[in-house]
Amino acid sequence: MKNVFDADDAQSYIARINQLELSHQPKWGKMNVAQMLAHCNVSYEMALSDQYPQAKGLKKMMMKLFVKPIVVGEKPYKKNSPTAPAFKIANERDFEVEKQRLIDYINQVQSLGANHFEGMSSASFGKLTKTEWNNMFAKHLDHHLDQFGV
């Protein structure tokens, strides 16, 4: 798995994103390319802002037990995997705006570095290691860039 904290690996994700065009169609799923970019931005918004509330109580426990291993593990996502409500993008989005936001987030994460994320709390899963943060970001990007053939 690539390392989102490594400058070369981060740039390889950006190069793939820059290959996307508004006309790209998904190999699976319902989102168009602009919605997919907005969907990918949610992961970064959850990590880098207070825009989304922290899961609490039973919901947090269930997320940690059942969802966390899937999200932060190294096994790739299956096509058409279910997604959490916060990640569902139903309205139209501006392709260029979402594309630039995602590139900016990738650069921000890479520049903050792995140590910034070590032990940082996730809105859904509690404290994660830098490896878990990397797996979550990298696996999600790979899944959706593959979805659109780049």
N, C-alpha and C. Protein backbone atom coordinates (compact mmCIF):
# COMPACT_ATOMS: atom_id res chain seq x y z
N MET A 1 0.84 -1.18 0.00
CA MET A 1 0.00 0.00 0.00
C MET A 1 0.89 1.24 0.00
N LYS A 2 0.50 2.23 -0.77
CA LYS A 2 1.26 3.47 -0.81
C LYS A 2 1.18 4.20 0.53
N ASN A 3 2.12 5.10 0.74
CA ASN A 3 2.19 5.87 1.98
C ASN A 3 1.79 7.31 1.68
N VAL A 4 0.63 7.73 2.15
CA VAL A 4 0.14 9.09 1.87
C VAL A 4 1.01 10.16 2.52
N PHE A 5 1.86 9.76 3.45
CA PHE A 5 2.74 10.72 4.11
C PHE A 5 4.05 10.91 3.35
N ASP A 6 4.30 10.08 2.36
CA ASP A 6 5.50 10.17 1.53
C ASP A 6 5.23 11.11 0.35
N ALA A 7 6.13 12.04 0.10
CA ALA A 7 5.92 13.04 -0.96
C ALA A 7 5.73 12.40 -2.33
N ASP A 8 6.53 11.40 -2.68
CA ASP A 8 6.41 10.75 -3.99
C ASP A 8 5.09 10.02 -4.13
N ASP A 9 4.69 9.30 -3.08
CA ASP A 9 3.42 8.58 -3.13
C ASP A 9 2.24 9.55 -3.19
N ALA A 10 2.31 10.63 -2.43
CA ALA A 10 1.25 11.64 -2.48
C ALA A 10 1.13 12.21 -3.89
N GLN A 11 2.27 12.48 -4.51
CA GLN A 11 2.25 13.02 -5.87
C GLN A 11 1.71 12.00 -6.88
N SER A 12 1.91 10.71 -6.62
CA SER A 12 1.36 9.71 -7.53
C SER A 12 -0.17 9.70 -7.45
N TYR A 13 -0.73 9.92 -6.27
CA TYR A 13 -2.19 10.04 -6.15
C TYR A 13 -2.68 11.29 -6.89
N ILE A 14 -1.96 12.38 -6.73
CA ILE A 14 -2.34 13.62 -7.40
C ILE A 14 -2.27 13.45 -8.92
N ALA A 15 -1.25 12.76 -9.41
CA ALA A 15 -1.14 12.51 -10.85
C ALA A 15 -2.34 11.70 -11.36
N ARG A 16 -2.77 10.73 -10.58
CA ARG A 16 -3.95 9.95 -10.97
C ARG A 16 -5.20 10.82 -10.97
N ILE A 17 -5.34 11.65 -9.97
CA ILE A 17 -6.50 12.56 -9.90
C ILE A 17 -6.50 13.50 -11.10
N ASN A 18 -5.32 13.97 -11.47
CA ASN A 18 -5.22 14.89 -12.61
C ASN A 18 -5.54 14.21 -13.95
N GLN A 19 -5.57 12.89 -13.98
CA GLN A 19 -5.98 12.18 -15.19
C GLN A 19 -7.50 12.13 -15.35
N LEU A 20 -8.21 12.40 -14.26
CA LEU A 20 -9.68 12.36 -14.30
C LEU A 20 -10.22 13.48 -15.19
N GLU A 21 -11.30 13.16 -15.86
CA GLU A 21 -12.03 14.15 -16.66
C GLU A 21 -13.50 14.05 -16.30
N LEU A 22 -14.21 15.12 -16.50
CA LEU A 22 -15.63 15.15 -16.19
C LEU A 22 -16.40 14.05 -16.91
N SER A 23 -15.90 13.62 -18.05
CA SER A 23 -16.58 12.60 -18.85
C SER A 23 -16.34 11.17 -18.36
N HIS A 24 -15.42 10.97 -17.41
CA HIS A 24 -15.15 9.61 -16.92
C HIS A 24 -16.41 9.00 -16.31
N GLN A 25 -16.64 7.75 -16.64
CA GLN A 25 -17.77 6.99 -16.11
C GLN A 25 -17.25 5.93 -15.14
N PRO A 26 -18.01 5.65 -14.09
CA PRO A 26 -17.56 4.63 -13.13
C PRO A 26 -17.66 3.22 -13.68
N LYS A 27 -16.74 2.37 -13.24
CA LYS A 27 -16.80 0.94 -13.58
C LYS A 27 -17.87 0.25 -12.73
N TRP A 28 -18.18 0.83 -11.58
CA TRP A 28 -19.23 0.32 -10.70
C TRP A 28 -19.76 1.50 -9.90
N GLY A 29 -20.87 1.33 -9.24
CA GLY A 29 -21.42 2.35 -8.35
C GLY A 29 -22.28 3.37 -9.07
N LYS A 30 -22.83 4.30 -8.28
CA LYS A 30 -23.81 5.27 -8.76
C LYS A 30 -23.27 6.70 -8.87
N MET A 31 -22.15 6.99 -8.23
CA MET A 31 -21.65 8.37 -8.23
C MET A 31 -21.02 8.73 -9.57
N ASN A 32 -21.18 10.00 -9.94
CA ASN A 32 -20.41 10.50 -11.08
C ASN A 32 -19.04 10.93 -10.56
N VAL A 33 -18.16 11.35 -11.44
CA VAL A 33 -16.78 11.64 -11.04
C VAL A 33 -16.70 12.81 -10.05
N ALA A 34 -17.51 13.83 -10.22
CA ALA A 34 -17.49 14.97 -9.28
C ALA A 34 -17.99 14.54 -7.90
N GLN A 35 -19.03 13.72 -7.87
CA GLN A 35 -19.54 13.22 -6.60
C GLN A 35 -18.50 12.33 -5.91
N MET A 36 -17.78 11.52 -6.69
CA MET A 36 -16.75 10.66 -6.13
C MET A 36 -15.65 11.50 -5.47
N LEU A 37 -15.26 12.58 -6.13
CA LEU A 37 -14.23 13.44 -5.55
C LEU A 37 -14.73 14.06 -4.25
N ALA A 38 -15.98 14.52 -4.23
CA ALA A 38 -16.57 15.08 -3.01
C ALA A 38 -16.64 14.01 -1.92
N HIS A 39 -16.99 12.80 -2.31
CA HIS A 39 -17.04 11.66 -1.39
C HIS A 39 -15.66 11.42 -0.76
N CYS A 40 -14.62 11.43 -1.57
CA CYS A 40 -13.26 11.24 -1.06
C CYS A 40 -12.85 12.37 -0.12
N ASN A 41 -13.33 13.57 -0.37
CA ASN A 41 -13.01 14.70 0.49
C ASN A 41 -13.55 14.54 1.91
N VAL A 42 -14.62 13.78 2.07
CA VAL A 42 -15.22 13.60 3.40
C VAL A 42 -14.21 13.00 4.37
N SER A 43 -13.42 12.03 3.93
CA SER A 43 -12.41 11.41 4.81
C SER A 43 -11.47 12.46 5.39
N TYR A 44 -11.06 13.37 4.53
CA TYR A 44 -10.12 14.42 4.96
C TYR A 44 -10.82 15.45 5.84
N GLU A 45 -12.06 15.79 5.51
CA GLU A 45 -12.82 16.72 6.35
C GLU A 45 -13.01 16.15 7.75
N MET A 46 -13.28 14.86 7.83
CA MET A 46 -13.44 14.22 9.13
C MET A 46 -12.15 14.26 9.94
N ALA A 47 -11.03 14.12 9.27
CA ALA A 47 -9.75 14.09 9.96
C ALA A 47 -9.24 15.48 10.32
N LEU A 48 -9.52 16.46 9.47
CA LEU A 48 -8.86 17.77 9.59
C LEU A 48 -9.77 18.90 10.04
N SER A 49 -11.04 18.59 10.33
CA SER A 49 -11.95 19.63 10.79
C SER A 49 -12.87 19.07 11.86
N ASP A 50 -13.65 19.95 12.45
CA ASP A 50 -14.65 19.54 13.44
C ASP A 50 -16.04 19.53 12.82
N GLN A 51 -16.09 19.40 11.51
CA GLN A 51 -17.33 19.47 10.75
C GLN A 51 -18.29 18.31 11.06
N TYR A 52 -17.73 17.17 11.46
CA TYR A 52 -18.53 15.98 11.72
C TYR A 52 -18.44 15.61 13.19
N PRO A 53 -19.59 15.29 13.80
CA PRO A 53 -19.56 14.94 15.23
C PRO A 53 -18.89 13.59 15.47
N GLN A 54 -18.29 13.46 16.64
CA GLN A 54 -17.68 12.21 17.06
C GLN A 54 -18.78 11.19 17.35
N ALA A 55 -18.57 9.95 16.93
CA ALA A 55 -19.50 8.88 17.29
C ALA A 55 -19.39 8.66 18.79
N LYS A 56 -20.52 8.30 19.41
CA LYS A 56 -20.54 8.12 20.86
C LYS A 56 -21.28 6.84 21.23
N GLY A 57 -21.01 6.36 22.42
CA GLY A 57 -21.75 5.26 23.00
C GLY A 57 -21.73 3.99 22.18
N LEU A 58 -22.92 3.39 22.06
CA LEU A 58 -23.07 2.11 21.37
C LEU A 58 -22.64 2.22 19.91
N LYS A 59 -22.96 3.32 19.27
CA LYS A 59 -22.58 3.49 17.87
C LYS A 59 -21.05 3.43 17.72
N LYS A 60 -20.34 4.13 18.59
CA LYS A 60 -18.87 4.13 18.52
C LYS A 60 -18.32 2.72 18.77
N MET A 61 -18.91 2.02 19.74
CA MET A 61 -18.45 0.68 20.04
C MET A 61 -18.66 -0.25 18.83
N MET A 62 -19.82 -0.15 18.21
CA MET A 62 -20.11 -0.99 17.04
C MET A 62 -19.19 -0.64 15.87
N MET A 63 -18.94 0.65 15.68
CA MET A 63 -18.03 1.07 14.61
C MET A 63 -16.63 0.51 14.84
N LYS A 64 -16.15 0.60 16.08
CA LYS A 64 -14.81 0.10 16.39
C LYS A 64 -14.71 -1.42 16.21
N LEU A 65 -15.75 -2.13 16.60
CA LEU A 65 -15.72 -3.59 16.53
C LEU A 65 -15.87 -4.12 15.11
N PHE A 66 -16.79 -3.55 14.35
CA PHE A 66 -17.15 -4.15 13.06
C PHE A 66 -16.67 -3.39 11.83
N VAL A 67 -16.63 -2.08 11.90
CA VAL A 67 -16.30 -1.29 10.71
C VAL A 67 -14.81 -0.95 10.67
N LYS A 68 -14.24 -0.62 11.81
CA LYS A 68 -12.84 -0.21 11.86
C LYS A 68 -11.89 -1.20 11.17
N PRO A 69 -11.99 -2.51 11.45
CA PRO A 69 -11.04 -3.43 10.79
C PRO A 69 -11.13 -3.39 9.27
N ILE A 70 -12.32 -3.15 8.74
CA ILE A 70 -12.50 -3.07 7.29
C ILE A 70 -11.88 -1.79 6.74
N VAL A 71 -12.10 -0.69 7.46
CA VAL A 71 -11.67 0.63 6.97
C VAL A 71 -10.17 0.85 7.12
N VAL A 72 -9.57 0.42 8.21
CA VAL A 72 -8.16 0.73 8.44
C VAL A 72 -7.22 -0.44 8.15
N GLY A 73 -7.78 -1.60 7.84
CA GLY A 73 -6.96 -2.75 7.48
C GLY A 73 -6.39 -2.60 6.08
N GLU A 74 -5.54 -3.55 5.69
CA GLU A 74 -4.88 -3.46 4.39
C GLU A 74 -5.64 -4.12 3.26
N LYS A 75 -6.66 -4.90 3.56
CA LYS A 75 -7.44 -5.57 2.53
C LYS A 75 -8.25 -4.53 1.73
N PRO A 76 -8.16 -4.56 0.40
CA PRO A 76 -8.90 -3.58 -0.41
C PRO A 76 -10.41 -3.70 -0.22
N TYR A 77 -11.11 -2.59 -0.46
CA TYR A 77 -12.57 -2.60 -0.40
C TYR A 77 -13.13 -3.40 -1.56
N LYS A 78 -14.26 -4.02 -1.33
CA LYS A 78 -14.99 -4.69 -2.41
C LYS A 78 -15.76 -3.64 -3.20
N LYS A 79 -15.96 -3.92 -4.48
CA LYS A 79 -16.78 -3.04 -5.31
C LYS A 79 -18.19 -2.98 -4.73
N ASN A 80 -18.79 -1.80 -4.81
CA ASN A 80 -20.16 -1.58 -4.33
C ASN A 80 -20.32 -1.83 -2.84
N SER A 81 -19.25 -1.62 -2.06
CA SER A 81 -19.34 -1.74 -0.61
C SER A 81 -20.28 -0.65 -0.08
N PRO A 82 -21.01 -0.94 0.99
CA PRO A 82 -21.86 0.09 1.57
C PRO A 82 -21.02 1.22 2.15
N THR A 83 -21.61 2.41 2.22
CA THR A 83 -20.91 3.56 2.76
C THR A 83 -21.73 4.22 3.85
N ALA A 84 -21.06 4.88 4.75
CA ALA A 84 -21.74 5.57 5.85
C ALA A 84 -22.53 6.77 5.30
N PRO A 85 -23.60 7.14 5.96
CA PRO A 85 -24.43 8.26 5.49
C PRO A 85 -23.65 9.55 5.22
N ALA A 86 -22.68 9.87 6.05
CA ALA A 86 -21.92 11.12 5.86
C ALA A 86 -21.15 11.14 4.55
N PHE A 87 -20.89 9.97 3.99
CA PHE A 87 -20.12 9.87 2.75
C PHE A 87 -20.98 9.82 1.50
N LYS A 88 -22.28 9.77 1.68
CA LYS A 88 -23.19 9.70 0.52
C LYS A 88 -23.36 11.10 -0.07
N ILE A 89 -23.02 11.22 -1.33
CA ILE A 89 -23.11 12.49 -2.05
C ILE A 89 -24.20 12.33 -3.11
N ALA A 90 -25.34 12.94 -2.85
CA ALA A 90 -26.47 12.77 -3.77
C ALA A 90 -26.63 13.96 -4.72
N ASN A 91 -26.19 15.13 -4.29
CA ASN A 91 -26.37 16.32 -5.13
C ASN A 91 -25.20 16.49 -6.10
N GLU A 92 -25.40 17.32 -7.09
CA GLU A 92 -24.35 17.57 -8.07
C GLU A 92 -23.24 18.40 -7.44
N ARG A 93 -22.03 18.18 -7.87
CA ARG A 93 -20.85 18.90 -7.37
C ARG A 93 -20.06 19.46 -8.54
N ASP A 94 -19.27 20.49 -8.23
CA ASP A 94 -18.41 21.10 -9.24
C ASP A 94 -17.12 20.27 -9.33
N PHE A 95 -16.91 19.65 -10.48
CA PHE A 95 -15.76 18.77 -10.68
C PHE A 95 -14.44 19.44 -10.34
N GLU A 96 -14.20 20.62 -10.90
CA GLU A 96 -12.90 21.30 -10.68
C GLU A 96 -12.71 21.69 -9.23
N VAL A 97 -13.76 22.14 -8.58
CA VAL A 97 -13.67 22.53 -7.16
C VAL A 97 -13.34 21.30 -6.31
N GLU A 98 -14.07 20.21 -6.51
CA GLU A 98 -13.84 19.00 -5.71
C GLU A 98 -12.47 18.40 -5.98
N LYS A 99 -12.05 18.43 -7.22
CA LYS A 99 -10.73 17.92 -7.60
C LYS A 99 -9.63 18.71 -6.88
N GLN A 100 -9.72 20.03 -6.91
CA GLN A 100 -8.71 20.85 -6.25
C GLN A 100 -8.74 20.67 -4.74
N ARG A 101 -9.91 20.55 -4.16
CA ARG A 101 -10.02 20.31 -2.71
C ARG A 101 -9.30 19.02 -2.34
N LEU A 102 -9.51 17.96 -3.13
CA LEU A 102 -8.88 16.68 -2.82
C LEU A 102 -7.37 16.77 -2.94
N ILE A 103 -6.90 17.42 -3.97
CA ILE A 103 -5.44 17.61 -4.13
C ILE A 103 -4.88 18.40 -2.96
N ASP A 104 -5.58 19.44 -2.55
CA ASP A 104 -5.13 20.24 -1.40
C ASP A 104 -5.09 19.41 -0.12
N TYR A 105 -6.10 18.58 0.08
CA TYR A 105 -6.11 17.72 1.27
C TYR A 105 -4.95 16.72 1.24
N ILE A 106 -4.70 16.12 0.11
CA ILE A 106 -3.59 15.17 0.00
C ILE A 106 -2.27 15.87 0.33
N ASN A 107 -2.07 17.06 -0.22
CA ASN A 107 -0.86 17.82 0.08
C ASN A 107 -0.78 18.19 1.56
N GLN A 108 -1.91 18.56 2.15
CA GLN A 108 -1.92 18.93 3.57
C GLN A 108 -1.54 17.74 4.45
N VAL A 109 -2.14 16.58 4.18
CA VAL A 109 -1.83 15.39 4.98
C VAL A 109 -0.36 15.02 4.83
N GLN A 110 0.14 15.07 3.61
CA GLN A 110 1.55 14.73 3.39
C GLN A 110 2.45 15.72 4.12
N SER A 111 2.11 16.98 4.07
CA SER A 111 2.95 17.99 4.72
C SER A 111 2.86 17.92 6.25
N LEU A 112 1.71 17.56 6.78
CA LEU A 112 1.60 17.39 8.24
C LEU A 112 2.45 16.22 8.71
N GLY A 113 2.51 15.18 7.90
CA GLY A 113 3.36 14.03 8.20
C GLY A 113 2.71 13.00 9.10
N ALA A 114 3.30 11.83 9.10
CA ALA A 114 2.77 10.69 9.84
C ALA A 114 2.69 10.95 11.33
N ASN A 115 3.69 11.61 11.89
CA ASN A 115 3.70 11.81 13.34
C ASN A 115 2.54 12.67 13.82
N HIS A 116 2.06 13.57 12.97
CA HIS A 116 0.89 14.38 13.32
C HIS A 116 -0.33 13.49 13.56
N PHE A 117 -0.43 12.40 12.81
CA PHE A 117 -1.60 11.53 12.87
C PHE A 117 -1.48 10.41 13.90
N GLU A 118 -0.26 10.13 14.37
CA GLU A 118 -0.07 9.05 15.34
C GLU A 118 -0.87 9.35 16.61
N GLY A 119 -1.82 8.46 16.92
CA GLY A 119 -2.64 8.61 18.12
C GLY A 119 -3.77 9.62 17.99
N MET A 120 -3.92 10.23 16.81
CA MET A 120 -4.99 11.20 16.61
C MET A 120 -6.33 10.47 16.57
N SER A 121 -7.34 11.09 17.13
CA SER A 121 -8.66 10.48 17.21
C SER A 121 -9.44 10.65 15.91
N SER A 122 -10.07 9.59 15.49
CA SER A 122 -10.97 9.58 14.34
C SER A 122 -12.40 9.80 14.85
N ALA A 123 -13.21 10.50 14.08
CA ALA A 123 -14.60 10.75 14.47
C ALA A 123 -15.37 9.45 14.67
N SER A 124 -14.99 8.42 13.96
CA SER A 124 -15.73 7.15 14.01
C SER A 124 -15.09 6.07 14.85
N PHE A 125 -13.76 6.05 14.93
CA PHE A 125 -13.07 4.89 15.49
C PHE A 125 -12.21 5.16 16.71
N GLY A 126 -12.16 6.39 17.19
CA GLY A 126 -11.28 6.71 18.30
C GLY A 126 -9.85 6.88 17.81
N LYS A 127 -8.89 6.70 18.71
CA LYS A 127 -7.48 6.91 18.37
C LYS A 127 -7.01 5.87 17.36
N LEU A 128 -6.26 6.36 16.36
CA LEU A 128 -5.69 5.49 15.33
C LEU A 128 -4.18 5.70 15.29
N THR A 129 -3.49 4.67 14.84
CA THR A 129 -2.05 4.80 14.61
C THR A 129 -1.84 5.50 13.26
N LYS A 130 -0.62 5.94 13.03
CA LYS A 130 -0.30 6.55 11.73
C LYS A 130 -0.48 5.54 10.59
N THR A 131 -0.22 4.27 10.86
CA THR A 131 -0.42 3.23 9.85
C THR A 131 -1.91 3.08 9.53
N GLU A 132 -2.75 3.11 10.54
CA GLU A 132 -4.19 3.01 10.31
C GLU A 132 -4.71 4.22 9.53
N TRP A 133 -4.22 5.42 9.87
CA TRP A 133 -4.61 6.62 9.11
C TRP A 133 -4.17 6.47 7.65
N ASN A 134 -2.94 6.03 7.45
CA ASN A 134 -2.45 5.86 6.09
C ASN A 134 -3.32 4.86 5.33
N ASN A 135 -3.57 3.70 5.94
CA ASN A 135 -4.37 2.68 5.28
C ASN A 135 -5.75 3.23 4.90
N MET A 136 -6.36 3.97 5.82
CA MET A 136 -7.69 4.51 5.55
C MET A 136 -7.66 5.47 4.36
N PHE A 137 -6.73 6.41 4.36
CA PHE A 137 -6.64 7.38 3.26
C PHE A 137 -6.26 6.70 1.94
N ALA A 138 -5.20 5.88 1.98
CA ALA A 138 -4.66 5.28 0.76
C ALA A 138 -5.64 4.30 0.14
N LYS A 139 -6.23 3.46 0.96
CA LYS A 139 -7.14 2.44 0.45
C LYS A 139 -8.38 3.09 -0.17
N HIS A 140 -8.88 4.13 0.46
CA HIS A 140 -10.07 4.82 -0.05
C HIS A 140 -9.77 5.49 -1.39
N LEU A 141 -8.63 6.17 -1.48
CA LEU A 141 -8.24 6.79 -2.75
C LEU A 141 -8.07 5.74 -3.84
N ASP A 142 -7.34 4.68 -3.55
CA ASP A 142 -7.12 3.63 -4.56
C ASP A 142 -8.45 3.06 -5.05
N HIS A 143 -9.33 2.79 -4.13
CA HIS A 143 -10.63 2.20 -4.47
C HIS A 143 -11.39 3.08 -5.47
N HIS A 144 -11.47 4.37 -5.17
CA HIS A 144 -12.28 5.25 -6.02
C HIS A 144 -11.55 5.69 -7.29
N LEU A 145 -10.25 5.81 -7.25
CA LEU A 145 -9.53 6.11 -8.50
C LEU A 145 -9.59 4.91 -9.44
N ASP A 146 -9.51 3.71 -8.89
CA ASP A 146 -9.72 2.51 -9.70
C ASP A 146 -11.14 2.46 -10.26
N GLN A 147 -12.10 2.88 -9.46
CA GLN A 147 -13.50 2.91 -9.88
C GLN A 147 -13.67 3.72 -11.18
N PHE A 148 -12.86 4.77 -11.31
CA PHE A 148 -12.95 5.64 -12.49
C PHE A 148 -11.80 5.42 -13.48
N GLY A 149 -11.10 4.30 -13.31
CA GLY A 149 -10.13 3.88 -14.32
C GLY A 149 -8.84 4.65 -14.39
N VAL A 150 -8.44 5.30 -13.29
CA VAL A 150 -7.15 6.00 -13.28
C VAL A 150 -6.26 5.49 -12.16
